[in-house]
């Protein structure tokens, strides 16, 4: 893992006490789902979903991949999607860059694809905006992690889902163009990172 990201992750695990007890109860349900899959030696597929698949859902996808790597939990694949496709938001990408992620654009199109690199050997996450049922995403046997309340309300039914769980977060988009923009994006990124690491810590410790 890239050193700056490793250091960031080492600090995250010291912040679990900042997560409220009610929130931990919700996150534990996701950990139990992953652990149940692992106990049957089944692949774990997680789709992080928000409205535009531009900010929070990408944070979820990236941090689930990093957390699985950090805790050496294999057979975990993280995806993301939205109720509509837009583009991976620049402010969200900048928040990841400030931590130490390396982003490489792989296509010059309106909705480009990026490799979000976190490993010294090139370990990465492929990110681009898409609807949650895009062909690249699993169609059955997955957990849908709803990262925004609007997507939670606008997706009354998701075919093929094993578990649907709402871990909604405030949208950092509200800070766009303000003096607090970078701070708000950094805070939301860290919140999602910390809670995702808490989930995977429970699995590492067998709940």
N, C-alpha and C. Protein backbone atom coordinates (compact mmCIF):
# COMPACT_ATOMS: atom_id res chain seq x y z
N UNK A 1 0.84 -1.19 0.00
CA UNK A 1 0.00 0.00 0.00
C UNK A 1 0.88 1.25 0.00
N UNK A 2 0.49 2.27 -0.75
CA UNK A 2 1.25 3.51 -0.77
C UNK A 2 1.37 4.08 0.64
N UNK A 3 2.55 4.59 0.97
CA UNK A 3 2.84 4.94 2.36
C UNK A 3 1.87 5.96 2.94
N UNK A 4 1.53 6.99 2.19
CA UNK A 4 0.63 8.01 2.71
C UNK A 4 -0.75 7.44 3.01
N UNK A 5 -1.21 6.51 2.17
CA UNK A 5 -2.51 5.88 2.40
C UNK A 5 -2.44 4.93 3.59
N UNK A 6 -1.33 4.20 3.71
CA UNK A 6 -1.12 3.32 4.86
C UNK A 6 -1.19 4.12 6.16
N UNK A 7 -0.53 5.26 6.18
CA UNK A 7 -0.54 6.11 7.38
C UNK A 7 -1.94 6.61 7.68
N UNK A 8 -2.67 6.99 6.66
CA UNK A 8 -4.04 7.46 6.81
C UNK A 8 -4.90 6.35 7.41
N UNK A 9 -4.74 5.15 6.89
CA UNK A 9 -5.52 4.00 7.38
C UNK A 9 -5.17 3.68 8.83
N UNK A 10 -3.90 3.80 9.18
CA UNK A 10 -3.49 3.53 10.56
C UNK A 10 -4.16 4.50 11.54
N UNK A 11 -4.41 5.70 11.10
CA UNK A 11 -5.10 6.67 11.95
C UNK A 11 -6.60 6.39 12.02
N UNK A 12 -7.17 5.90 10.92
CA UNK A 12 -8.61 5.62 10.90
C UNK A 12 -9.01 4.65 12.00
N UNK A 13 -8.20 3.63 12.20
CA UNK A 13 -8.59 2.59 13.15
C UNK A 13 -8.56 3.08 14.59
N UNK A 14 -8.02 4.28 14.81
CA UNK A 14 -8.02 4.88 16.14
C UNK A 14 -9.27 5.74 16.37
N UNK A 15 -10.11 5.83 15.35
CA UNK A 15 -11.26 6.74 15.40
C UNK A 15 -12.60 6.01 15.48
N UNK A 16 -12.58 4.71 15.68
CA UNK A 16 -13.84 3.96 15.72
C UNK A 16 -14.75 4.41 16.86
N UNK A 17 -14.18 4.91 17.94
CA UNK A 17 -14.99 5.38 19.07
C UNK A 17 -15.83 6.60 18.70
N UNK A 18 -15.51 7.25 17.59
CA UNK A 18 -16.28 8.41 17.17
C UNK A 18 -17.58 8.01 16.48
N UNK A 19 -17.71 6.74 16.15
CA UNK A 19 -18.92 6.24 15.50
C UNK A 19 -19.96 5.94 16.57
N UNK A 20 -21.17 6.47 16.42
CA UNK A 20 -22.22 6.27 17.42
C UNK A 20 -22.69 4.83 17.48
N UNK A 21 -23.28 4.46 18.61
CA UNK A 21 -23.69 3.07 18.82
C UNK A 21 -24.78 2.64 17.84
N UNK A 22 -25.73 3.53 17.52
CA UNK A 22 -26.77 3.18 16.56
C UNK A 22 -26.18 2.94 15.18
N UNK A 23 -25.23 3.78 14.84
CA UNK A 23 -24.58 3.65 13.54
C UNK A 23 -23.77 2.35 13.48
N UNK A 24 -23.11 2.02 14.57
CA UNK A 24 -22.34 0.77 14.61
C UNK A 24 -23.25 -0.43 14.42
N UNK A 25 -24.47 -0.33 14.94
CA UNK A 25 -25.42 -1.43 14.77
C UNK A 25 -25.76 -1.66 13.31
N UNK A 26 -25.93 -0.56 12.54
CA UNK A 26 -26.21 -0.68 11.11
C UNK A 26 -25.01 -1.26 10.39
N UNK A 27 -23.83 -0.75 10.71
CA UNK A 27 -22.61 -1.22 10.04
C UNK A 27 -22.33 -2.68 10.35
N UNK A 28 -22.69 -3.13 11.54
CA UNK A 28 -22.47 -4.52 11.90
C UNK A 28 -23.28 -5.46 11.02
N UNK A 29 -24.45 -5.02 10.58
CA UNK A 29 -25.27 -5.86 9.70
C UNK A 29 -24.55 -6.13 8.38
N UNK A 30 -23.85 -5.12 7.89
CA UNK A 30 -23.07 -5.31 6.66
C UNK A 30 -21.90 -6.25 6.92
N UNK A 31 -21.25 -6.08 8.07
CA UNK A 31 -20.13 -6.97 8.42
C UNK A 31 -20.62 -8.41 8.54
N UNK A 32 -21.79 -8.61 9.13
CA UNK A 32 -22.32 -9.97 9.29
C UNK A 32 -22.63 -10.59 7.94
N UNK A 33 -23.11 -9.79 7.00
CA UNK A 33 -23.37 -10.29 5.65
C UNK A 33 -22.06 -10.76 5.01
N UNK A 34 -21.04 -9.92 5.11
CA UNK A 34 -19.74 -10.27 4.51
C UNK A 34 -19.17 -11.52 5.17
N UNK A 35 -19.26 -11.58 6.50
CA UNK A 35 -18.73 -12.74 7.23
C UNK A 35 -19.47 -14.02 6.86
N UNK A 36 -20.79 -13.92 6.67
CA UNK A 36 -21.57 -15.09 6.29
C UNK A 36 -21.15 -15.61 4.92
N UNK A 37 -20.90 -14.69 4.01
CA UNK A 37 -20.42 -15.08 2.69
C UNK A 37 -19.06 -15.75 2.79
N UNK A 38 -18.19 -15.16 3.60
CA UNK A 38 -16.84 -15.70 3.76
C UNK A 38 -16.88 -17.09 4.37
N UNK A 39 -17.76 -17.30 5.33
CA UNK A 39 -17.83 -18.59 6.01
C UNK A 39 -18.26 -19.71 5.06
N UNK A 40 -18.96 -19.35 3.99
CA UNK A 40 -19.38 -20.33 2.98
C UNK A 40 -18.44 -20.33 1.77
N UNK A 41 -17.34 -19.59 1.91
CA UNK A 41 -16.34 -19.49 0.84
C UNK A 41 -16.95 -18.95 -0.45
N UNK A 42 -17.85 -17.98 -0.30
CA UNK A 42 -18.50 -17.35 -1.44
C UNK A 42 -17.91 -15.97 -1.69
N UNK A 43 -17.94 -15.55 -2.93
CA UNK A 43 -17.46 -14.21 -3.27
C UNK A 43 -18.36 -13.15 -2.64
N UNK A 44 -17.75 -12.06 -2.21
CA UNK A 44 -18.47 -10.95 -1.60
C UNK A 44 -18.51 -9.80 -2.60
N UNK A 45 -19.72 -9.42 -3.01
CA UNK A 45 -19.91 -8.31 -3.94
C UNK A 45 -20.69 -7.20 -3.26
N UNK A 46 -20.12 -6.01 -3.26
CA UNK A 46 -20.74 -4.85 -2.63
C UNK A 46 -20.93 -3.76 -3.69
N UNK A 47 -22.15 -3.25 -3.82
CA UNK A 47 -22.40 -2.13 -4.71
C UNK A 47 -22.80 -0.92 -3.87
N UNK A 48 -22.00 0.13 -3.91
CA UNK A 48 -22.29 1.37 -3.20
C UNK A 48 -23.09 2.27 -4.13
N UNK A 49 -24.26 2.71 -3.68
CA UNK A 49 -25.22 3.39 -4.55
C UNK A 49 -25.58 4.77 -4.00
N UNK A 50 -25.45 5.79 -4.85
CA UNK A 50 -26.02 7.10 -4.56
C UNK A 50 -26.67 7.62 -5.84
N UNK A 51 -27.23 8.79 -5.82
CA UNK A 51 -28.05 9.23 -6.95
C UNK A 51 -27.25 9.34 -8.25
N UNK A 52 -26.14 10.10 -8.22
CA UNK A 52 -25.41 10.39 -9.45
C UNK A 52 -24.14 9.57 -9.62
N UNK A 53 -23.83 8.72 -8.67
CA UNK A 53 -22.58 7.94 -8.71
C UNK A 53 -21.40 8.85 -9.06
N UNK A 54 -21.26 9.92 -8.26
CA UNK A 54 -20.21 10.90 -8.55
C UNK A 54 -19.34 11.21 -7.33
N UNK A 55 -19.86 10.99 -6.12
CA UNK A 55 -19.12 11.38 -4.93
C UNK A 55 -19.11 10.26 -3.88
N UNK A 56 -20.19 10.19 -3.08
CA UNK A 56 -20.22 9.29 -1.93
C UNK A 56 -20.10 7.81 -2.31
N UNK A 57 -20.75 7.41 -3.38
CA UNK A 57 -20.68 6.00 -3.77
C UNK A 57 -19.28 5.62 -4.23
N UNK A 58 -18.58 6.55 -4.87
CA UNK A 58 -17.19 6.27 -5.24
C UNK A 58 -16.30 6.19 -4.01
N UNK A 59 -16.52 7.06 -3.03
CA UNK A 59 -15.78 6.95 -1.78
C UNK A 59 -16.00 5.56 -1.16
N UNK A 60 -17.25 5.10 -1.15
CA UNK A 60 -17.54 3.79 -0.59
C UNK A 60 -16.84 2.67 -1.33
N UNK A 61 -16.89 2.72 -2.65
CA UNK A 61 -16.25 1.69 -3.48
C UNK A 61 -14.75 1.66 -3.23
N UNK A 62 -14.12 2.83 -3.23
CA UNK A 62 -12.68 2.89 -3.04
C UNK A 62 -12.28 2.40 -1.66
N UNK A 63 -12.97 2.87 -0.63
CA UNK A 63 -12.55 2.51 0.73
C UNK A 63 -12.86 1.06 1.06
N UNK A 64 -13.89 0.48 0.47
CA UNK A 64 -14.13 -0.96 0.69
C UNK A 64 -12.99 -1.78 0.09
N UNK A 65 -12.51 -1.37 -1.06
CA UNK A 65 -11.39 -2.07 -1.70
C UNK A 65 -10.12 -1.93 -0.86
N UNK A 66 -9.87 -0.72 -0.37
CA UNK A 66 -8.68 -0.48 0.44
C UNK A 66 -8.76 -1.22 1.76
N UNK A 67 -9.94 -1.19 2.40
CA UNK A 67 -10.09 -1.86 3.70
C UNK A 67 -9.91 -3.36 3.58
N UNK A 68 -10.44 -3.96 2.52
CA UNK A 68 -10.25 -5.39 2.31
C UNK A 68 -8.77 -5.71 2.15
N UNK A 69 -8.05 -4.87 1.44
CA UNK A 69 -6.61 -5.05 1.26
C UNK A 69 -5.87 -4.86 2.58
N UNK A 70 -6.25 -3.86 3.34
CA UNK A 70 -5.58 -3.53 4.61
C UNK A 70 -5.72 -4.67 5.61
N UNK A 71 -6.91 -5.25 5.68
CA UNK A 71 -7.18 -6.33 6.64
C UNK A 71 -6.95 -7.72 6.05
N UNK A 72 -6.45 -7.77 4.82
CA UNK A 72 -6.14 -9.04 4.15
C UNK A 72 -7.36 -9.96 4.06
N UNK A 73 -8.48 -9.37 3.69
CA UNK A 73 -9.72 -10.11 3.52
C UNK A 73 -9.95 -10.29 2.02
N UNK A 74 -9.84 -11.53 1.56
CA UNK A 74 -9.92 -11.78 0.12
C UNK A 74 -11.36 -12.03 -0.34
N UNK A 75 -11.51 -12.20 -1.63
CA UNK A 75 -12.79 -12.49 -2.29
C UNK A 75 -13.81 -11.36 -2.13
N UNK A 76 -13.33 -10.14 -1.91
CA UNK A 76 -14.22 -8.98 -1.80
C UNK A 76 -14.06 -8.12 -3.06
N UNK A 77 -15.17 -7.82 -3.70
CA UNK A 77 -15.18 -6.93 -4.87
C UNK A 77 -16.16 -5.79 -4.61
N UNK A 78 -15.69 -4.56 -4.77
CA UNK A 78 -16.53 -3.39 -4.53
C UNK A 78 -16.85 -2.69 -5.85
N UNK A 79 -18.10 -2.28 -5.97
CA UNK A 79 -18.59 -1.61 -7.16
C UNK A 79 -19.35 -0.36 -6.72
N UNK A 80 -19.76 0.44 -7.69
CA UNK A 80 -20.60 1.60 -7.36
C UNK A 80 -21.55 1.86 -8.52
N UNK A 81 -22.61 2.60 -8.23
CA UNK A 81 -23.59 2.94 -9.25
C UNK A 81 -24.54 4.00 -8.73
N UNK A 82 -25.39 4.48 -9.61
CA UNK A 82 -26.36 5.51 -9.24
C UNK A 82 -27.71 5.23 -9.85
N UNK A 83 -28.68 6.06 -9.51
CA UNK A 83 -29.96 5.98 -10.19
C UNK A 83 -29.87 6.65 -11.56
N UNK A 84 -28.80 7.41 -11.77
CA UNK A 84 -28.47 7.97 -13.08
C UNK A 84 -26.96 8.14 -13.16
N UNK A 85 -26.43 8.23 -14.37
CA UNK A 85 -24.99 8.38 -14.57
C UNK A 85 -24.66 9.84 -14.87
N UNK A 86 -23.57 10.33 -14.28
CA UNK A 86 -23.11 11.70 -14.55
C UNK A 86 -21.62 11.64 -14.87
N UNK A 87 -20.77 11.85 -13.85
CA UNK A 87 -19.32 11.73 -13.99
C UNK A 87 -18.72 11.71 -12.60
N UNK A 88 -17.55 11.11 -12.48
CA UNK A 88 -16.81 11.10 -11.22
C UNK A 88 -16.43 12.54 -10.91
N UNK A 89 -16.94 13.07 -9.80
CA UNK A 89 -16.78 14.49 -9.49
C UNK A 89 -15.34 14.87 -9.18
N UNK A 90 -14.88 16.00 -9.73
CA UNK A 90 -13.51 16.46 -9.55
C UNK A 90 -13.18 16.70 -8.08
N UNK A 91 -14.12 17.29 -7.33
CA UNK A 91 -13.84 17.57 -5.92
C UNK A 91 -13.66 16.28 -5.12
N UNK A 92 -14.42 15.25 -5.47
CA UNK A 92 -14.25 13.95 -4.81
C UNK A 92 -12.89 13.36 -5.16
N UNK A 93 -12.51 13.48 -6.42
CA UNK A 93 -11.20 12.99 -6.83
C UNK A 93 -10.08 13.75 -6.12
N UNK A 94 -10.23 15.05 -5.99
CA UNK A 94 -9.22 15.86 -5.31
C UNK A 94 -9.06 15.45 -3.85
N UNK A 95 -10.17 15.09 -3.20
CA UNK A 95 -10.10 14.63 -1.81
C UNK A 95 -9.27 13.36 -1.70
N UNK A 96 -9.44 12.46 -2.65
CA UNK A 96 -8.65 11.23 -2.66
C UNK A 96 -7.17 11.53 -2.95
N UNK A 97 -6.93 12.46 -3.84
CA UNK A 97 -5.55 12.83 -4.16
C UNK A 97 -4.84 13.42 -2.94
N UNK A 98 -5.56 14.20 -2.14
CA UNK A 98 -4.93 14.81 -0.96
C UNK A 98 -4.49 13.75 0.04
N UNK A 99 -5.13 12.60 0.03
CA UNK A 99 -4.74 11.50 0.91
C UNK A 99 -3.51 10.79 0.38
N UNK A 100 -3.35 10.78 -0.94
CA UNK A 100 -2.21 10.10 -1.53
C UNK A 100 -2.56 9.14 -2.65
N UNK A 101 -3.85 9.00 -2.97
CA UNK A 101 -4.24 8.16 -4.10
C UNK A 101 -3.73 8.78 -5.39
N UNK A 102 -3.37 7.92 -6.32
CA UNK A 102 -2.97 8.37 -7.65
C UNK A 102 -4.09 8.05 -8.62
N UNK A 103 -4.58 9.06 -9.32
CA UNK A 103 -5.68 8.86 -10.27
C UNK A 103 -5.18 9.00 -11.69
N UNK A 104 -5.48 8.00 -12.49
CA UNK A 104 -5.08 8.02 -13.90
C UNK A 104 -6.32 7.89 -14.76
N UNK A 105 -6.56 8.90 -15.59
CA UNK A 105 -7.69 8.86 -16.50
C UNK A 105 -7.36 7.94 -17.66
N UNK A 106 -8.26 7.02 -17.97
CA UNK A 106 -7.98 6.02 -19.01
C UNK A 106 -8.77 6.26 -20.28
N UNK A 107 -9.72 7.21 -20.25
CA UNK A 107 -10.50 7.52 -21.45
C UNK A 107 -10.77 9.01 -21.51
N UNK A 108 -10.67 9.59 -22.69
CA UNK A 108 -10.96 11.01 -22.90
C UNK A 108 -12.38 11.16 -23.43
N UNK A 109 -13.35 11.02 -22.55
CA UNK A 109 -14.75 11.14 -22.93
C UNK A 109 -15.46 11.99 -21.88
N UNK A 110 -16.74 12.27 -22.10
CA UNK A 110 -17.48 13.14 -21.18
C UNK A 110 -17.60 12.52 -19.79
N UNK A 111 -17.74 11.21 -19.72
CA UNK A 111 -17.80 10.49 -18.45
C UNK A 111 -16.60 9.54 -18.41
N UNK A 112 -15.40 10.08 -18.15
CA UNK A 112 -14.19 9.25 -18.27
C UNK A 112 -14.05 8.21 -17.18
N UNK A 113 -13.25 7.21 -17.47
CA UNK A 113 -12.90 6.18 -16.51
C UNK A 113 -11.56 6.52 -15.87
N UNK A 114 -11.43 6.15 -14.59
CA UNK A 114 -10.20 6.43 -13.86
C UNK A 114 -9.74 5.17 -13.14
N UNK A 115 -8.43 5.03 -13.05
CA UNK A 115 -7.85 4.07 -12.13
C UNK A 115 -7.43 4.82 -10.88
N UNK A 116 -7.99 4.41 -9.75
CA UNK A 116 -7.64 5.02 -8.47
C UNK A 116 -6.64 4.08 -7.80
N UNK A 117 -5.38 4.45 -7.83
CA UNK A 117 -4.29 3.56 -7.42
C UNK A 117 -3.96 3.79 -5.95
N UNK A 118 -3.91 2.67 -5.20
CA UNK A 118 -3.59 2.77 -3.78
C UNK A 118 -2.43 1.87 -3.37
N UNK A 119 -1.99 0.98 -4.23
CA UNK A 119 -0.96 0.01 -3.87
C UNK A 119 0.38 0.29 -4.53
N UNK A 120 1.43 -0.09 -3.85
CA UNK A 120 2.78 0.11 -4.40
C UNK A 120 3.00 -0.72 -5.65
N UNK A 121 2.26 -1.80 -5.79
CA UNK A 121 2.38 -2.65 -6.98
C UNK A 121 1.29 -2.34 -8.00
N UNK A 122 0.65 -1.20 -7.84
CA UNK A 122 -0.35 -0.77 -8.80
C UNK A 122 -1.77 -1.20 -8.49
N UNK A 123 -2.02 -1.75 -7.28
CA UNK A 123 -3.39 -2.12 -6.91
C UNK A 123 -4.28 -0.88 -7.07
N UNK A 124 -5.44 -1.09 -7.68
CA UNK A 124 -6.27 0.06 -8.00
C UNK A 124 -7.75 -0.30 -8.03
N UNK A 125 -8.58 0.73 -8.10
CA UNK A 125 -10.02 0.60 -8.24
C UNK A 125 -10.41 1.32 -9.53
N UNK A 126 -11.23 0.68 -10.35
CA UNK A 126 -11.72 1.32 -11.58
C UNK A 126 -12.99 2.09 -11.26
N UNK A 127 -12.96 3.39 -11.51
CA UNK A 127 -14.09 4.25 -11.15
C UNK A 127 -14.59 5.05 -12.35
N UNK A 128 -15.89 5.02 -12.55
CA UNK A 128 -16.57 5.92 -13.49
C UNK A 128 -18.04 5.91 -13.13
N UNK A 129 -18.74 6.94 -13.53
CA UNK A 129 -20.15 7.06 -13.17
C UNK A 129 -21.00 6.15 -14.04
N UNK A 130 -21.95 5.47 -13.41
CA UNK A 130 -22.80 4.51 -14.12
C UNK A 130 -24.07 4.27 -13.30
N UNK A 131 -25.09 3.72 -13.92
CA UNK A 131 -26.27 3.31 -13.17
C UNK A 131 -25.95 2.01 -12.42
N UNK A 132 -26.68 1.76 -11.35
CA UNK A 132 -26.33 0.64 -10.49
C UNK A 132 -26.47 -0.72 -11.18
N UNK A 133 -27.29 -0.80 -12.23
CA UNK A 133 -27.44 -2.07 -12.95
C UNK A 133 -26.63 -2.10 -14.24
N UNK A 134 -25.58 -1.29 -14.31
CA UNK A 134 -24.67 -1.29 -15.46
C UNK A 134 -24.09 -2.71 -15.63
N UNK A 135 -23.80 -3.12 -16.86
CA UNK A 135 -23.29 -4.48 -17.11
C UNK A 135 -22.04 -4.85 -16.31
N UNK A 136 -21.23 -3.86 -15.92
CA UNK A 136 -20.01 -4.19 -15.18
C UNK A 136 -20.30 -4.61 -13.74
N UNK A 137 -21.47 -4.25 -13.24
CA UNK A 137 -21.84 -4.57 -11.86
C UNK A 137 -22.54 -5.93 -11.77
N UNK A 138 -22.40 -6.62 -10.63
CA UNK A 138 -23.07 -7.91 -10.46
C UNK A 138 -24.59 -7.76 -10.50
N UNK A 139 -25.26 -8.79 -11.00
CA UNK A 139 -26.72 -8.75 -11.13
C UNK A 139 -27.43 -9.54 -10.04
N UNK A 140 -26.71 -10.43 -9.37
CA UNK A 140 -27.27 -11.23 -8.28
C UNK A 140 -26.21 -11.39 -7.20
N UNK A 141 -26.66 -11.81 -6.03
CA UNK A 141 -25.75 -12.16 -4.93
C UNK A 141 -24.84 -11.00 -4.55
N UNK A 142 -25.44 -9.86 -4.22
CA UNK A 142 -24.66 -8.71 -3.81
C UNK A 142 -25.39 -7.95 -2.71
N UNK A 143 -24.64 -7.13 -2.00
CA UNK A 143 -25.22 -6.21 -1.02
C UNK A 143 -25.25 -4.82 -1.63
N UNK A 144 -26.40 -4.17 -1.53
CA UNK A 144 -26.54 -2.79 -2.00
C UNK A 144 -26.39 -1.88 -0.79
N UNK A 145 -25.35 -1.06 -0.81
CA UNK A 145 -25.08 -0.14 0.30
C UNK A 145 -25.50 1.25 -0.17
N UNK A 146 -26.61 1.75 0.37
CA UNK A 146 -27.18 3.02 -0.07
C UNK A 146 -26.49 4.15 0.69
N UNK A 147 -25.76 4.99 -0.06
CA UNK A 147 -24.97 6.03 0.60
C UNK A 147 -25.65 7.39 0.61
N UNK A 148 -26.83 7.51 -0.01
CA UNK A 148 -27.56 8.78 0.09
C UNK A 148 -29.05 8.49 0.21
N UNK A 149 -29.73 9.37 0.93
CA UNK A 149 -31.15 9.15 1.21
C UNK A 149 -32.00 9.27 -0.04
N UNK A 150 -31.59 10.11 -1.00
CA UNK A 150 -32.36 10.27 -2.23
C UNK A 150 -32.36 8.98 -3.04
N UNK A 151 -31.19 8.34 -3.14
CA UNK A 151 -31.13 7.06 -3.84
C UNK A 151 -31.92 6.00 -3.10
N UNK A 152 -31.88 6.04 -1.78
CA UNK A 152 -32.63 5.09 -0.96
C UNK A 152 -34.13 5.22 -1.25
N UNK A 153 -34.60 6.45 -1.40
CA UNK A 153 -36.02 6.70 -1.65
C UNK A 153 -36.40 6.38 -3.09
N UNK A 154 -35.48 6.64 -4.03
CA UNK A 154 -35.80 6.49 -5.45
C UNK A 154 -35.53 5.10 -6.00
N UNK A 155 -34.99 4.22 -5.17
CA UNK A 155 -34.77 2.82 -5.59
C UNK A 155 -35.63 1.91 -4.73
N UNK A 156 -36.93 1.87 -4.97
CA UNK A 156 -37.79 1.04 -4.13
C UNK A 156 -37.52 -0.44 -4.29
N UNK A 157 -36.91 -0.83 -5.43
CA UNK A 157 -36.65 -2.25 -5.66
C UNK A 157 -35.36 -2.39 -6.44
N UNK A 158 -34.46 -3.24 -5.96
CA UNK A 158 -33.21 -3.52 -6.65
C UNK A 158 -33.16 -5.02 -6.91
N UNK A 159 -33.27 -5.45 -8.16
CA UNK A 159 -33.30 -6.88 -8.46
C UNK A 159 -31.99 -7.57 -8.07
N UNK A 160 -32.11 -8.81 -7.61
CA UNK A 160 -30.94 -9.64 -7.37
C UNK A 160 -30.19 -9.39 -6.09
N UNK A 161 -30.67 -8.47 -5.27
CA UNK A 161 -29.92 -8.07 -4.08
C UNK A 161 -30.10 -9.09 -2.94
N UNK A 162 -29.01 -9.40 -2.24
CA UNK A 162 -29.06 -10.24 -1.04
C UNK A 162 -29.42 -9.41 0.18
N UNK A 163 -28.78 -8.25 0.27
CA UNK A 163 -28.94 -7.36 1.42
C UNK A 163 -28.98 -5.94 0.92
N UNK A 164 -29.93 -5.18 1.42
CA UNK A 164 -29.98 -3.74 1.14
C UNK A 164 -29.85 -3.02 2.48
N UNK A 165 -28.85 -2.15 2.56
CA UNK A 165 -28.59 -1.49 3.84
C UNK A 165 -28.34 -0.01 3.58
N UNK A 166 -28.92 0.84 4.41
CA UNK A 166 -28.81 2.29 4.23
C UNK A 166 -27.77 2.86 5.19
N UNK A 167 -26.64 3.27 4.64
CA UNK A 167 -25.62 3.99 5.42
C UNK A 167 -25.49 5.36 4.76
N UNK A 168 -26.52 6.20 4.93
CA UNK A 168 -26.58 7.46 4.19
C UNK A 168 -25.66 8.51 4.81
N UNK A 169 -25.15 9.38 3.94
CA UNK A 169 -24.23 10.45 4.33
C UNK A 169 -24.69 11.77 3.73
N UNK A 170 -24.39 12.88 4.41
CA UNK A 170 -24.68 14.20 3.86
C UNK A 170 -23.87 14.40 2.57
N UNK A 171 -24.48 15.08 1.62
CA UNK A 171 -23.85 15.26 0.32
C UNK A 171 -22.84 16.42 0.39
N UNK A 172 -21.56 16.14 0.10
CA UNK A 172 -20.58 17.23 0.12
C UNK A 172 -20.80 18.24 -1.00
N UNK A 173 -21.65 17.90 -1.97
CA UNK A 173 -21.96 18.82 -3.06
C UNK A 173 -22.45 20.17 -2.55
N UNK A 174 -23.07 20.18 -1.38
CA UNK A 174 -23.59 21.43 -0.81
C UNK A 174 -22.50 22.47 -0.61
N UNK A 175 -21.25 22.02 -0.52
CA UNK A 175 -20.13 22.95 -0.28
C UNK A 175 -19.46 23.40 -1.57
N UNK A 176 -19.89 22.89 -2.71
CA UNK A 176 -19.23 23.22 -3.97
C UNK A 176 -19.16 24.73 -4.18
N UNK A 177 -17.96 25.22 -4.51
CA UNK A 177 -17.78 26.63 -4.79
C UNK A 177 -17.60 27.51 -3.57
N UNK A 178 -17.66 26.92 -2.37
CA UNK A 178 -17.52 27.70 -1.14
C UNK A 178 -16.10 27.60 -0.61
N UNK A 179 -15.81 28.42 0.40
CA UNK A 179 -14.49 28.41 1.03
C UNK A 179 -14.26 27.12 1.79
N UNK A 180 -15.34 26.41 2.13
CA UNK A 180 -15.23 25.17 2.92
C UNK A 180 -15.22 23.93 2.04
N UNK A 181 -15.18 24.10 0.75
CA UNK A 181 -15.31 22.97 -0.18
C UNK A 181 -14.35 21.83 0.15
N UNK A 182 -13.05 22.11 0.18
CA UNK A 182 -12.06 21.05 0.41
C UNK A 182 -12.25 20.41 1.77
N UNK A 183 -12.53 21.23 2.78
CA UNK A 183 -12.72 20.71 4.13
C UNK A 183 -13.90 19.75 4.20
N UNK A 184 -15.01 20.12 3.58
CA UNK A 184 -16.21 19.28 3.63
C UNK A 184 -15.98 17.97 2.89
N UNK A 185 -15.35 18.03 1.74
CA UNK A 185 -15.08 16.79 0.99
C UNK A 185 -14.12 15.89 1.78
N UNK A 186 -13.12 16.49 2.40
CA UNK A 186 -12.18 15.69 3.20
C UNK A 186 -12.90 15.03 4.38
N UNK A 187 -13.80 15.78 5.01
CA UNK A 187 -14.54 15.23 6.16
C UNK A 187 -15.45 14.09 5.72
N UNK A 188 -16.14 14.26 4.60
CA UNK A 188 -17.05 13.19 4.16
C UNK A 188 -16.27 11.96 3.73
N UNK A 189 -15.16 12.18 3.05
CA UNK A 189 -14.31 11.07 2.64
C UNK A 189 -13.81 10.30 3.86
N UNK A 190 -13.38 11.03 4.89
CA UNK A 190 -12.86 10.37 6.09
C UNK A 190 -13.96 9.65 6.86
N UNK A 191 -15.15 10.23 6.90
CA UNK A 191 -16.27 9.58 7.58
C UNK A 191 -16.59 8.24 6.92
N UNK A 192 -16.68 8.24 5.61
CA UNK A 192 -16.98 7.00 4.88
C UNK A 192 -15.84 6.01 5.05
N UNK A 193 -14.60 6.50 5.01
CA UNK A 193 -13.45 5.62 5.20
C UNK A 193 -13.47 4.98 6.58
N UNK A 194 -13.71 5.78 7.62
CA UNK A 194 -13.70 5.26 8.98
C UNK A 194 -14.78 4.21 9.18
N UNK A 195 -15.98 4.48 8.70
CA UNK A 195 -17.07 3.52 8.89
C UNK A 195 -16.84 2.25 8.08
N UNK A 196 -16.27 2.39 6.91
CA UNK A 196 -15.97 1.21 6.09
C UNK A 196 -14.89 0.36 6.76
N UNK A 197 -13.89 1.01 7.31
CA UNK A 197 -12.83 0.28 8.02
C UNK A 197 -13.40 -0.39 9.26
N UNK A 198 -14.36 0.25 9.91
CA UNK A 198 -14.98 -0.38 11.08
C UNK A 198 -15.66 -1.69 10.67
N UNK A 199 -16.38 -1.67 9.56
CA UNK A 199 -17.03 -2.88 9.05
C UNK A 199 -16.01 -4.01 8.86
N UNK A 200 -14.91 -3.71 8.21
CA UNK A 200 -13.94 -4.75 7.89
C UNK A 200 -13.13 -5.15 9.12
N UNK A 201 -13.01 -4.26 10.10
CA UNK A 201 -12.35 -4.64 11.34
C UNK A 201 -13.16 -5.70 12.08
N UNK A 202 -14.47 -5.59 12.01
CA UNK A 202 -15.34 -6.59 12.66
C UNK A 202 -15.13 -7.96 12.02
N UNK A 203 -14.99 -7.97 10.70
CA UNK A 203 -14.76 -9.25 10.01
C UNK A 203 -13.43 -9.83 10.40
N UNK A 204 -12.41 -8.97 10.43
CA UNK A 204 -11.06 -9.43 10.80
C UNK A 204 -11.07 -10.02 12.18
N UNK A 205 -11.86 -9.44 13.08
CA UNK A 205 -11.93 -9.90 14.46
C UNK A 205 -13.06 -10.89 14.69
N UNK A 206 -13.62 -11.41 13.58
CA UNK A 206 -14.73 -12.39 13.63
C UNK A 206 -15.94 -11.84 14.38
N UNK A 207 -16.18 -10.54 14.19
CA UNK A 207 -17.32 -9.85 14.77
C UNK A 207 -17.22 -9.75 16.28
